[in-house]
Amino acid sequence: MLAATGALFASPIEAETPPALPVPHYGAVVSLPDAANQPDPAIDYRVVFDISAAATDSSAPHPSLGKVARFLNLLATKSVRPPGGNIVAVIHGPATSAIVAHTAYRSRFAMDNPNLALIAELEAAGAQIHVCGQALHAQKIAASDVAPTVTIDLAALTTVATLQLRGFALIAD
């Protein structure tokens, strides 16, 4: 029995190069055509990502924003492209600083914001990025410091609840 089990792991998983990815510089994936639970082109993917954990490295893109990129890229392996607005990332809590413009980020971390290029690619792929207005207030971040394409909501609590009640699936970090 052990020899058979070892043989299962002796050969690598067969992977294909995925088609053109909607978020080309982030969220790397491999296409695994024989894996279970593939993206289904018949499903209208509507997903809200609840992002509140602090990034551990202020010089790299936030890992949870990278997860949004990976999700979009995984869907694309089966040519699934959700319409604009069907993928929403809601940033709050300790993650809030991820959405500030370069000037505000520099004042906090002495470097440009590494999240802005990823946010631009996510938005180009149809995702929306929202930030909690209550978190901005709590973290003393002015609305004028928020990156211009990010939507300021009243609260992450109400945004996430509203989207779930409208049929969005929740993915939390």
C-alpha atoms as a PDB file:
ATOM      1  CA  MET A   1       0.000   0.000   0.000  1.00  0.00           C
ATOM      2  CA  LEU A   2       2.783   2.457   0.789  1.00  0.00           C
ATOM      3  CA  ALA A   3       4.452   1.921  -2.568  1.00  0.00           C
ATOM      4  CA  ALA A   4       1.209   2.765  -4.374  1.00  0.00           C
ATOM      5  CA  THR A   5       0.706   5.877  -2.246  1.00  0.00           C
ATOM      6  CA  GLY A   6       4.267   6.977  -2.954  1.00  0.00           C
ATOM      7  CA  ALA A   7       3.706   6.480  -6.676  1.00  0.00           C
ATOM      8  CA  LEU A   8       0.779   8.897  -6.577  1.00  0.00           C
ATOM      9  CA  PHE A   9       3.096  11.654  -5.473  1.00  0.00           C
ATOM     10  CA  ALA A  10       6.030  10.695  -7.691  1.00  0.00           C
ATOM     11  CA  SER A  11       4.669  12.458 -10.775  1.00  0.00           C
ATOM     12  CA  PRO A  12       3.819  16.163 -10.798  1.00  0.00           C
ATOM     13  CA  ILE A  13       0.280  17.433 -11.286  1.00  0.00           C
ATOM     14  CA  GLU A  14      -0.415  18.027 -14.964  1.00  0.00           C
ATOM     15  CA  ALA A  15      -0.851  21.747 -15.527  1.00  0.00           C
ATOM     16  CA  GLU A  16      -1.574  23.905 -18.534  1.00  0.00           C
ATOM     17  CA  THR A  17      -0.637  27.473 -19.209  1.00  0.00           C
ATOM     18  CA  PRO A  18      -3.804  29.449 -18.469  1.00  0.00           C
ATOM     19  CA  PRO A  19      -5.347  31.703 -21.125  1.00  0.00           C
ATOM     20  CA  ALA A  20      -4.711  35.449 -20.996  1.00  0.00           C
ATOM     21  CA  LEU A  21      -5.358  36.523 -17.424  1.00  0.00           C
ATOM     22  CA  PRO A  22      -7.482  39.520 -16.441  1.00  0.00           C
ATOM     23  CA  VAL A  23      -4.987  40.473 -13.699  1.00  0.00           C
ATOM     24  CA  PRO A  24      -1.728  39.647 -15.480  1.00  0.00           C
ATOM     25  CA  HIS A  25       0.862  40.802 -12.933  1.00  0.00           C
ATOM     26  CA  TYR A  26      -0.722  39.436  -9.726  1.00  0.00           C
ATOM     27  CA  GLY A  27      -2.544  36.342  -8.502  1.00  0.00           C
ATOM     28  CA  ALA A  28      -0.528  33.683 -10.325  1.00  0.00           C
ATOM     29  CA  VAL A  29      -2.417  30.474 -11.120  1.00  0.00           C
ATOM     30  CA  VAL A  30      -1.953  27.284 -13.101  1.00  0.00           C
ATOM     31  CA  SER A  31      -4.705  25.669 -15.103  1.00  0.00           C
ATOM     32  CA  LEU A  32      -5.474  22.166 -13.809  1.00  0.00           C
ATOM     33  CA  PRO A  33      -7.965  20.834 -16.360  1.00  0.00           C
ATOM     34  CA  ASP A  34      -8.575  17.540 -14.545  1.00  0.00           C
ATOM     35  CA  ALA A  35      -9.088  19.023 -11.071  1.00  0.00           C
ATOM     36  CA  ALA A  36     -12.523  18.955  -9.443  1.00  0.00           C
ATOM     37  CA  ASN A  37     -14.719  22.028  -8.919  1.00  0.00           C
ATOM     38  CA  GLN A  38     -13.706  24.058 -11.957  1.00  0.00           C
ATOM     39  CA  PRO A  39     -15.226  27.519 -12.536  1.00  0.00           C
ATOM     40  CA  ASP A  40     -18.631  27.159 -14.165  1.00  0.00           C
ATOM     41  CA  PRO A  41     -19.415  29.499 -17.082  1.00  0.00           C
ATOM     42  CA  ALA A  42     -23.139  29.050 -16.328  1.00  0.00           C
ATOM     43  CA  ILE A  43     -22.785  30.701 -12.895  1.00  0.00           C
ATOM     44  CA  ASP A  44     -23.144  34.459 -12.433  1.00  0.00           C
ATOM     45  CA  TYR A  45     -20.223  34.955 -10.032  1.00  0.00           C
ATOM     46  CA  ARG A  46     -21.022  37.741  -7.570  1.00  0.00           C
ATOM     47  CA  VAL A  47     -18.490  37.829  -4.748  1.00  0.00           C
ATOM     48  CA  VAL A  48     -17.604  40.246  -1.969  1.00  0.00           C
ATOM     49  CA  PHE A  49     -14.156  40.003  -0.384  1.00  0.00           C
ATOM     50  CA  ASP A  50     -14.112  41.211   3.245  1.00  0.00           C
ATOM     51  CA  ILE A  51     -10.535  42.432   3.781  1.00  0.00           C
ATOM     52  CA  SER A  52      -9.609  43.553   7.278  1.00  0.00           C
ATOM     53  CA  ALA A  53      -6.351  41.836   8.260  1.00  0.00           C
ATOM     54  CA  ALA A  54      -3.233  43.959   8.443  1.00  0.00           C
ATOM     55  CA  ALA A  55      -0.573  43.318   5.839  1.00  0.00           C
ATOM     56  CA  THR A  56       2.589  41.890   7.340  1.00  0.00           C
ATOM     57  CA  ASP A  57       4.831  43.633   4.800  1.00  0.00           C
ATOM     58  CA  SER A  58       4.084  47.273   3.983  1.00  0.00           C
ATOM     59  CA  SER A  59       6.480  47.114   1.013  1.00  0.00           C
ATOM     60  CA  ALA A  60       4.450  44.441  -0.842  1.00  0.00           C
ATOM     61  CA  PRO A  61       0.865  44.340  -2.103  1.00  0.00           C
ATOM     62  CA  HIS A  62      -1.686  43.262   0.503  1.00  0.00           C
ATOM     63  CA  PRO A  63      -2.084  39.462   0.303  1.00  0.00           C
ATOM     64  CA  SER A  64      -5.887  39.675   0.402  1.00  0.00           C
ATOM     65  CA  LEU A  65      -5.926  41.968  -2.634  1.00  0.00           C
ATOM     66  CA  GLY A  66      -3.716  39.339  -4.262  1.00  0.00           C
ATOM     67  CA  LYS A  67      -6.416  36.791  -3.403  1.00  0.00           C
ATOM     68  CA  VAL A  68      -8.955  38.857  -5.362  1.00  0.00           C
ATOM     69  CA  ALA A  69      -6.553  38.792  -8.332  1.00  0.00           C
ATOM     70  CA  ARG A  70      -6.087  35.029  -7.973  1.00  0.00           C
ATOM     71  CA  PHE A  71      -9.860  34.512  -7.896  1.00  0.00           C
ATOM     72  CA  LEU A  72     -10.353  36.475 -11.117  1.00  0.00           C
ATOM     73  CA  ASN A  73      -7.456  34.640 -12.748  1.00  0.00           C
ATOM     74  CA  LEU A  74      -8.785  31.234 -11.635  1.00  0.00           C
ATOM     75  CA  LEU A  75     -12.168  32.026 -13.162  1.00  0.00           C
ATOM     76  CA  ALA A  76     -10.402  32.996 -16.382  1.00  0.00           C
ATOM     77  CA  THR A  77      -8.838  29.521 -16.667  1.00  0.00           C
ATOM     78  CA  LYS A  78     -12.319  28.433 -17.809  1.00  0.00           C
ATOM     79  CA  SER A  79     -13.032  31.676 -19.706  1.00  0.00           C
ATOM     80  CA  VAL A  80     -15.298  32.979 -16.948  1.00  0.00           C
ATOM     81  CA  ARG A  81     -15.217  36.796 -16.799  1.00  0.00           C
ATOM     82  CA  PRO A  82     -17.669  38.286 -14.287  1.00  0.00           C
ATOM     83  CA  PRO A  83     -19.279  41.542 -15.426  1.00  0.00           C
ATOM     84  CA  GLY A  84     -18.001  44.779 -13.921  1.00  0.00           C
ATOM     85  CA  GLY A  85     -19.189  45.270 -10.356  1.00  0.00           C
ATOM     86  CA  ASN A  86     -19.737  41.577  -9.631  1.00  0.00           C
ATOM     87  CA  ILE A  87     -16.472  41.319  -7.697  1.00  0.00           C
ATOM     88  CA  VAL A  88     -16.137  43.776  -4.797  1.00  0.00           C
ATOM     89  CA  ALA A  89     -13.291  44.113  -2.296  1.00  0.00           C
ATOM     90  CA  VAL A  90     -14.267  45.885   0.927  1.00  0.00           C
ATOM     91  CA  ILE A  91     -11.264  47.166   2.880  1.00  0.00           C
ATOM     92  CA  HIS A  92     -11.516  48.066   6.579  1.00  0.00           C
ATOM     93  CA  GLY A  93      -9.844  47.701   9.948  1.00  0.00           C
ATOM     94  CA  PRO A  94      -6.061  47.302   9.973  1.00  0.00           C
ATOM     95  CA  ALA A  95      -6.061  46.812   6.169  1.00  0.00           C
ATOM     96  CA  THR A  96      -7.365  50.341   5.543  1.00  0.00           C
ATOM     97  CA  SER A  97      -4.010  51.947   4.736  1.00  0.00           C
ATOM     98  CA  ALA A  98      -3.751  49.709   1.641  1.00  0.00           C
ATOM     99  CA  ILE A  99      -5.999  52.096  -0.319  1.00  0.00           C
ATOM    100  CA  VAL A 100      -4.343  55.442   0.312  1.00  0.00           C
ATOM    101  CA  ALA A 101      -2.619  57.474  -2.397  1.00  0.00           C
ATOM    102  CA  HIS A 102       1.171  57.487  -2.639  1.00  0.00           C
ATOM    103  CA  THR A 103       1.618  60.739  -0.696  1.00  0.00           C
ATOM    104  CA  ALA A 104      -0.352  59.483   2.318  1.00  0.00           C
ATOM    105  CA  TYR A 105       1.347  56.083   2.164  1.00  0.00           C
ATOM    106  CA  ARG A 106       4.774  57.748   2.084  1.00  0.00           C
ATOM    107  CA  SER A 107       3.941  59.693   5.234  1.00  0.00           C
ATOM    108  CA  ARG A 108       3.094  56.431   7.036  1.00  0.00           C
ATOM    109  CA  PHE A 109       5.615  53.980   5.551  1.00  0.00           C
ATOM    110  CA  ALA A 110       8.280  56.132   3.779  1.00  0.00           C
ATOM    111  CA  MET A 111       7.577  54.534   0.373  1.00  0.00           C
ATOM    112  CA  ASP A 112       5.040  54.582  -2.439  1.00  0.00           C
ATOM    113  CA  ASN A 113       1.950  52.430  -1.974  1.00  0.00           C
ATOM    114  CA  PRO A 114       2.679  48.992  -3.512  1.00  0.00           C
ATOM    115  CA  ASN A 115      -1.081  48.265  -3.645  1.00  0.00           C
ATOM    116  CA  LEU A 116      -2.032  50.906  -6.195  1.00  0.00           C
ATOM    117  CA  ALA A 117      -0.773  49.038  -9.274  1.00  0.00           C
ATOM    118  CA  LEU A 118      -2.645  45.916  -8.142  1.00  0.00           C
ATOM    119  CA  ILE A 119      -5.788  47.966  -7.451  1.00  0.00           C
ATOM    120  CA  ALA A 120      -5.550  49.441 -10.968  1.00  0.00           C
ATOM    121  CA  GLU A 121      -5.323  45.958 -12.516  1.00  0.00           C
ATOM    122  CA  LEU A 122      -8.237  44.696 -10.386  1.00  0.00           C
ATOM    123  CA  GLU A 123     -10.369  47.639 -11.483  1.00  0.00           C
ATOM    124  CA  ALA A 124      -9.372  47.125 -15.123  1.00  0.00           C
ATOM    125  CA  ALA A 125     -10.628  43.537 -14.723  1.00  0.00           C
ATOM    126  CA  GLY A 126     -14.002  44.840 -13.480  1.00  0.00           C
ATOM    127  CA  ALA A 127     -13.532  44.551  -9.711  1.00  0.00           C
ATOM    128  CA  GLN A 128     -14.612  47.377  -7.444  1.00  0.00           C
ATOM    129  CA  ILE A 129     -12.546  48.473  -4.452  1.00  0.00           C
ATOM    130  CA  HIS A 130     -14.403  49.996  -1.493  1.00  0.00           C
ATOM    131  CA  VAL A 131     -13.155  51.303   1.840  1.00  0.00           C
ATOM    132  CA  CYS A 132     -14.992  51.689   5.116  1.00  0.00           C
ATOM    133  CA  GLY A 133     -15.608  55.321   6.045  1.00  0.00           C
ATOM    134  CA  GLN A 134     -15.724  54.378   9.730  1.00  0.00           C
ATOM    135  CA  ALA A 135     -12.265  52.794   9.453  1.00  0.00           C
ATOM    136  CA  LEU A 136     -10.922  55.888   7.713  1.00  0.00           C
ATOM    137  CA  HIS A 137     -12.161  57.996  10.627  1.00  0.00           C
ATOM    138  CA  ALA A 138     -10.794  55.563  13.256  1.00  0.00           C
ATOM    139  CA  GLN A 139      -7.376  55.482  11.580  1.00  0.00           C
ATOM    140  CA  LYS A 140      -7.291  59.237  10.996  1.00  0.00           C
ATOM    141  CA  ILE A 141      -7.123  58.911   7.204  1.00  0.00           C
ATOM    142  CA  ALA A 142      -8.680  61.831   5.359  1.00  0.00           C
ATOM    143  CA  ALA A 143     -11.022  61.144   2.463  1.00  0.00           C
ATOM    144  CA  SER A 144      -8.666  63.222   0.315  1.00  0.00           C
ATOM    145  CA  ASP A 145      -5.891  60.686   1.058  1.00  0.00           C
ATOM    146  CA  VAL A 146      -7.854  57.784  -0.446  1.00  0.00           C
ATOM    147  CA  ALA A 147      -6.770  56.687  -3.934  1.00  0.00           C
ATOM    148  CA  PRO A 148      -9.153  58.394  -6.398  1.00  0.00           C
ATOM    149  CA  THR A 149     -10.686  55.211  -7.851  1.00  0.00           C
ATOM    150  CA  VAL A 150     -11.554  53.686  -4.457  1.00  0.00           C
ATOM    151  CA  THR A 151     -15.168  54.118  -3.305  1.00  0.00           C
ATOM    152  CA  ILE A 152     -15.685  55.363   0.252  1.00  0.00           C
ATOM    153  CA  ASP A 153     -18.664  53.617   1.871  1.00  0.00           C
ATOM    154  CA  LEU A 154     -20.467  54.497   5.072  1.00  0.00           C
ATOM    155  CA  ALA A 155     -19.236  51.281   6.698  1.00  0.00           C
ATOM    156  CA  ALA A 156     -17.863  47.886   5.766  1.00  0.00           C
ATOM    157  CA  LEU A 157     -20.542  46.377   8.003  1.00  0.00           C
ATOM    158  CA  THR A 158     -23.366  47.770   5.911  1.00  0.00           C
ATOM    159  CA  THR A 159     -21.655  47.182   2.552  1.00  0.00           C
ATOM    160  CA  VAL A 160     -20.880  43.518   3.234  1.00  0.00           C
ATOM    161  CA  ALA A 161     -24.359  42.865   4.654  1.00  0.00           C
ATOM    162  CA  THR A 162     -26.085  44.643   1.758  1.00  0.00           C
ATOM    163  CA  LEU A 163     -24.082  42.761  -0.871  1.00  0.00           C
ATOM    164  CA  GLN A 164     -24.720  39.414   0.814  1.00  0.00           C
ATOM    165  CA  LEU A 165     -28.444  40.171   0.951  1.00  0.00           C
ATOM    166  CA  ARG A 166     -28.242  40.923  -2.783  1.00  0.00           C
ATOM    167  CA  GLY A 167     -26.833  37.457  -3.419  1.00  0.00           C
ATOM    168  CA  PHE A 168     -23.066  38.025  -3.287  1.00  0.00           C
ATOM    169  CA  ALA A 169     -20.982  35.174  -1.851  1.00  0.00           C
ATOM    170  CA  LEU A 170     -18.630  36.203   0.972  1.00  0.00           C
ATOM    171  CA  ILE A 171     -14.911  35.473   1.014  1.00  0.00           C
ATOM    172  CA  ALA A 172     -13.228  36.767   4.177  1.00  0.00           C
ATOM    173  CA  ASP A 173      -9.505  37.076   4.802  1.00  0.00           C
END
